Amino acid sequence: MLLKRLFGIAALSLAFTACGKSEKSAAVDTLAIRTDSGPQSQQTRSAPKTMLILTSTAFAPNGSIPSKYTCEGADMSPPLEWFGIHRDAQTLALIVDDPDAPDPAKPERVYVHWVVYNIPANITKLPENAAKAGLPSGTIQGLNDWKKETYGGPCPPIGRHRYFFKLYALDTVLGQLLNPTKSQLEKAMEEHLVDSAELIGTYQKTK
């Protein structure tokens, strides 16, 4: 009888000890999780978020481009403005193209209207007719699909086309690319893109 009591007391003592160790381990694990996740969550919450936005005073997003910026008008480049330049950006590049050529119902190719690069990162807008009147110092124009180093406005042969104005923030100043085409500029930008923005305008000939 005495032996049974001794075994009972020993078993109960072991149970309490195991329980204590289990609770202590659980408390340590929980503390480790909180310690690990705390700073990480704080870092995530405080991480800077940037968003590059491209706009124009000449037309609204997905709106019609005024004829003065097309082949039916003065064929001048429209005014463009942007906000939220990434802190790592050193230069900006701009590509304008039309993915609906020649017919939006049966598109066959992307037609390139403007290629620009090495826009200084402290520049936040291009005024109307900048392609011909003068771009910021250091800015270089590449070749459009008319094989010209300038802006060529919308001139769709049929239907209403979309025109994509695409702005890229780069972490470098690109070297002299010798009159690059759109594809050559895109290749040069591959490892340097830090942000981008897009503005779409549309146009259909009136004549």
Protein backbone atom coordinates (compact mmCIF):
# COMPACT_ATOMS: atom_id res chain seq x y z
CA MET A 1 0.00 0.00 0.00
CA LEU A 2 2.81 2.34 0.92
CA LEU A 3 4.59 1.41 -2.30
CA LYS A 4 1.54 2.34 -4.39
CA ARG A 5 1.34 5.74 -2.68
CA LEU A 6 5.03 6.40 -3.39
CA PHE A 7 4.55 5.50 -7.06
CA GLY A 8 1.49 7.79 -7.22
CA ILE A 9 3.37 10.74 -5.71
CA ALA A 10 6.30 10.20 -8.09
CA ALA A 11 4.00 10.05 -11.12
CA LEU A 12 2.17 13.21 -10.05
CA SER A 13 5.50 15.03 -9.57
CA LEU A 14 6.65 14.02 -13.05
CA ALA A 15 3.38 15.22 -14.53
CA PHE A 16 3.75 18.68 -12.92
CA THR A 17 7.36 18.89 -14.08
CA ALA A 18 6.44 17.98 -17.66
CA CYS A 19 3.56 20.43 -17.65
CA GLY A 20 5.84 23.21 -16.38
CA LYS A 21 8.40 22.50 -19.09
CA SER A 22 5.69 22.43 -21.73
CA GLU A 23 4.26 25.80 -20.66
CA LYS A 24 7.76 27.32 -20.50
CA SER A 25 8.58 26.05 -23.99
CA ALA A 26 5.33 27.39 -25.34
CA ALA A 27 6.01 30.79 -23.79
CA VAL A 28 9.53 30.89 -25.27
CA ASP A 29 8.27 29.87 -28.73
CA THR A 30 5.58 32.54 -28.65
CA LEU A 31 8.09 35.18 -27.58
CA ALA A 32 10.43 34.11 -30.41
CA ILE A 33 7.62 34.46 -32.94
CA ARG A 34 6.68 37.91 -31.67
CA THR A 35 10.31 39.01 -31.59
CA ASP A 36 10.89 37.80 -35.14
CA SER A 37 7.66 39.14 -36.59
CA GLY A 38 7.65 42.48 -34.76
CA PRO A 39 10.58 44.21 -36.47
CA GLN A 40 9.69 42.60 -39.78
CA SER A 41 6.14 43.95 -39.61
CA GLN A 42 7.47 47.36 -38.61
CA GLN A 43 9.89 47.30 -41.55
CA THR A 44 7.09 46.34 -43.94
CA ARG A 45 4.83 49.12 -42.66
CA SER A 46 7.56 51.74 -42.95
CA ALA A 47 8.85 50.65 -46.37
CA PRO A 48 8.46 53.51 -48.85
CA LYS A 49 5.92 53.03 -51.61
CA THR A 50 6.20 54.94 -54.84
CA MET A 51 3.89 55.22 -57.80
CA LEU A 52 4.79 56.96 -61.02
CA ILE A 53 1.80 58.69 -62.60
CA LEU A 54 1.78 60.11 -66.13
CA THR A 55 -0.80 62.71 -67.19
CA SER A 56 -1.51 65.26 -69.91
CA THR A 57 -3.44 68.51 -69.83
CA ALA A 58 -4.36 67.88 -73.49
CA PHE A 59 -6.43 64.72 -73.00
CA ALA A 60 -7.82 62.53 -70.24
CA PRO A 61 -6.79 58.89 -69.74
CA ASN A 62 -8.40 56.87 -72.55
CA GLY A 63 -9.72 60.13 -73.97
CA SER A 64 -9.47 61.49 -77.50
CA ILE A 65 -6.20 63.19 -78.47
CA PRO A 66 -6.82 66.68 -79.95
CA SER A 67 -6.12 66.88 -83.69
CA LYS A 68 -3.36 69.49 -83.21
CA TYR A 69 -1.15 66.68 -81.89
CA THR A 70 -1.82 64.47 -84.93
CA CYS A 71 -1.03 64.36 -88.66
CA GLU A 72 -4.28 66.22 -89.29
CA GLY A 73 -3.06 69.18 -87.26
CA ALA A 74 0.30 70.71 -86.32
CA ASP A 75 1.68 67.24 -85.53
CA MET A 76 3.32 68.52 -82.34
CA SER A 77 4.03 66.43 -79.26
CA PRO A 78 1.42 66.90 -76.51
CA PRO A 79 2.22 68.31 -73.06
CA LEU A 80 3.06 65.60 -70.54
CA GLU A 81 3.52 65.72 -66.78
CA TRP A 82 4.42 63.08 -64.20
CA PHE A 83 4.46 62.59 -60.44
CA GLY A 84 5.98 60.14 -57.95
CA ILE A 85 9.45 59.66 -59.41
CA HIS A 86 11.25 56.76 -57.70
CA ARG A 87 14.03 57.85 -55.36
CA ASP A 88 16.54 55.63 -57.20
CA ALA A 89 15.75 57.10 -60.60
CA GLN A 90 18.54 58.92 -62.41
CA THR A 91 16.87 59.30 -65.80
CA LEU A 92 13.53 58.76 -67.51
CA ALA A 93 12.67 57.30 -70.90
CA LEU A 94 9.51 57.73 -72.96
CA ILE A 95 8.04 55.54 -75.69
CA VAL A 96 4.83 56.30 -77.60
CA ASP A 97 3.36 53.57 -79.78
CA ASP A 98 0.17 52.31 -81.39
CA PRO A 99 -0.65 48.58 -81.04
CA ASP A 100 -3.69 48.81 -83.36
CA ALA A 101 -1.93 49.33 -86.69
CA PRO A 102 -3.13 49.29 -89.33
CA ASP A 103 -6.71 48.35 -88.38
CA PRO A 104 -7.94 47.92 -84.77
CA ALA A 105 -10.20 45.10 -85.98
CA LYS A 106 -7.18 43.25 -87.39
CA PRO A 107 -4.00 44.65 -85.81
CA GLU A 108 -0.83 43.50 -87.50
CA ARG A 109 1.93 45.49 -85.82
CA VAL A 110 2.87 48.03 -83.17
CA TYR A 111 3.70 51.37 -84.79
CA VAL A 112 6.23 53.52 -82.92
CA HIS A 113 5.61 57.29 -82.78
CA TRP A 114 8.24 58.59 -80.35
CA VAL A 115 11.39 57.31 -78.61
CA VAL A 116 13.07 59.47 -75.94
CA TYR A 117 15.65 58.67 -73.27
CA ASN A 118 18.03 60.21 -70.71
CA ILE A 119 15.43 62.70 -69.51
CA PRO A 120 16.95 63.96 -66.20
CA ALA A 121 15.10 62.60 -63.16
CA ASN A 122 14.53 66.11 -61.79
CA ILE A 123 12.37 66.96 -64.81
CA THR A 124 8.65 66.49 -64.15
CA LYS A 125 7.07 67.57 -67.43
CA LEU A 126 7.50 68.13 -71.13
CA PRO A 127 5.75 71.15 -72.61
CA GLU A 128 3.73 71.12 -75.79
CA ASN A 129 5.87 70.63 -78.92
CA ALA A 130 8.93 69.66 -76.85
CA ALA A 131 10.06 67.21 -79.56
CA LYS A 132 10.69 70.10 -81.97
CA ALA A 133 10.97 73.16 -79.73
CA GLY A 134 13.56 71.63 -77.44
CA LEU A 135 13.90 68.85 -74.87
CA PRO A 136 15.67 69.13 -71.48
CA SER A 137 19.46 69.20 -71.56
CA GLY A 138 20.93 65.72 -71.98
CA THR A 139 17.73 64.24 -73.39
CA ILE A 140 18.09 62.22 -76.60
CA GLN A 141 15.50 61.14 -79.17
CA GLY A 142 15.63 57.77 -80.90
CA LEU A 143 14.08 56.64 -84.16
CA ASN A 144 10.33 56.31 -84.64
CA ASP A 145 8.86 54.13 -87.39
CA TRP A 146 9.14 56.98 -89.89
CA LYS A 147 12.90 56.63 -89.27
CA LYS A 148 12.98 60.12 -87.78
CA GLU A 149 14.39 61.36 -84.47
CA THR A 150 11.28 63.20 -83.39
CA TYR A 151 7.60 62.81 -82.51
CA GLY A 152 5.17 61.65 -85.15
CA GLY A 153 1.54 62.16 -84.22
CA PRO A 154 -1.38 59.76 -84.61
CA CYS A 155 -2.32 59.16 -88.24
CA PRO A 156 -4.48 56.02 -88.27
CA PRO A 157 -5.47 54.78 -91.74
CA ILE A 158 -8.71 53.26 -90.47
CA GLY A 159 -10.73 53.19 -87.24
CA ARG A 160 -9.99 54.58 -83.78
CA HIS A 161 -6.54 53.62 -82.54
CA ARG A 162 -5.05 53.62 -79.04
CA TYR A 163 -1.80 55.45 -78.40
CA PHE A 164 0.28 54.34 -75.43
CA PHE A 165 2.50 56.95 -73.78
CA LYS A 166 4.87 54.90 -71.62
CA LEU A 167 7.23 56.51 -69.12
CA TYR A 168 10.10 54.55 -67.54
CA ALA A 169 12.23 55.48 -64.51
CA LEU A 170 15.78 54.13 -64.74
CA ASP A 171 18.55 53.85 -62.18
CA THR A 172 21.24 54.95 -64.65
CA VAL A 173 22.15 57.33 -67.44
CA LEU A 174 22.15 55.32 -70.64
CA GLY A 175 25.23 55.54 -72.85
CA GLN A 176 25.05 56.88 -76.38
CA LEU A 177 22.90 54.35 -78.24
CA LEU A 178 23.31 55.77 -81.77
CA ASN A 179 19.74 56.55 -82.85
CA PRO A 180 18.08 53.62 -81.08
CA THR A 181 14.79 52.14 -82.16
CA LYS A 182 12.15 51.23 -79.60
CA SER A 183 13.39 47.64 -79.31
CA GLN A 184 17.02 48.75 -78.91
CA LEU A 185 16.06 51.18 -76.16
CA GLU A 186 13.99 48.53 -74.39
CA LYS A 187 16.99 46.18 -74.51
CA ALA A 188 19.25 48.84 -72.99
CA MET A 189 16.73 49.51 -70.20
CA GLU A 190 16.25 45.86 -69.17
CA GLU A 191 18.46 45.82 -66.07
CA HIS A 192 17.77 49.40 -65.00
CA LEU A 193 13.99 49.78 -64.69
CA VAL A 194 12.80 50.92 -61.25
CA ASP A 195 9.30 52.17 -62.07
CA SER A 196 6.95 52.90 -64.98
CA ALA A 197 3.70 54.63 -65.85
CA GLU A 198 1.32 54.62 -68.78
CA LEU A 199 -1.16 57.03 -70.33
CA ILE A 200 -3.46 55.99 -73.16
CA GLY A 201 -5.08 58.36 -75.65
CA THR A 202 -7.18 57.52 -78.71
CA TYR A 203 -7.62 59.03 -82.16
CA GLN A 204 -9.66 58.51 -85.31
CA LYS A 205 -9.22 60.60 -88.43
CA THR A 206 -11.94 63.10 -89.19
CA LYS A 207 -11.29 63.21 -92.95
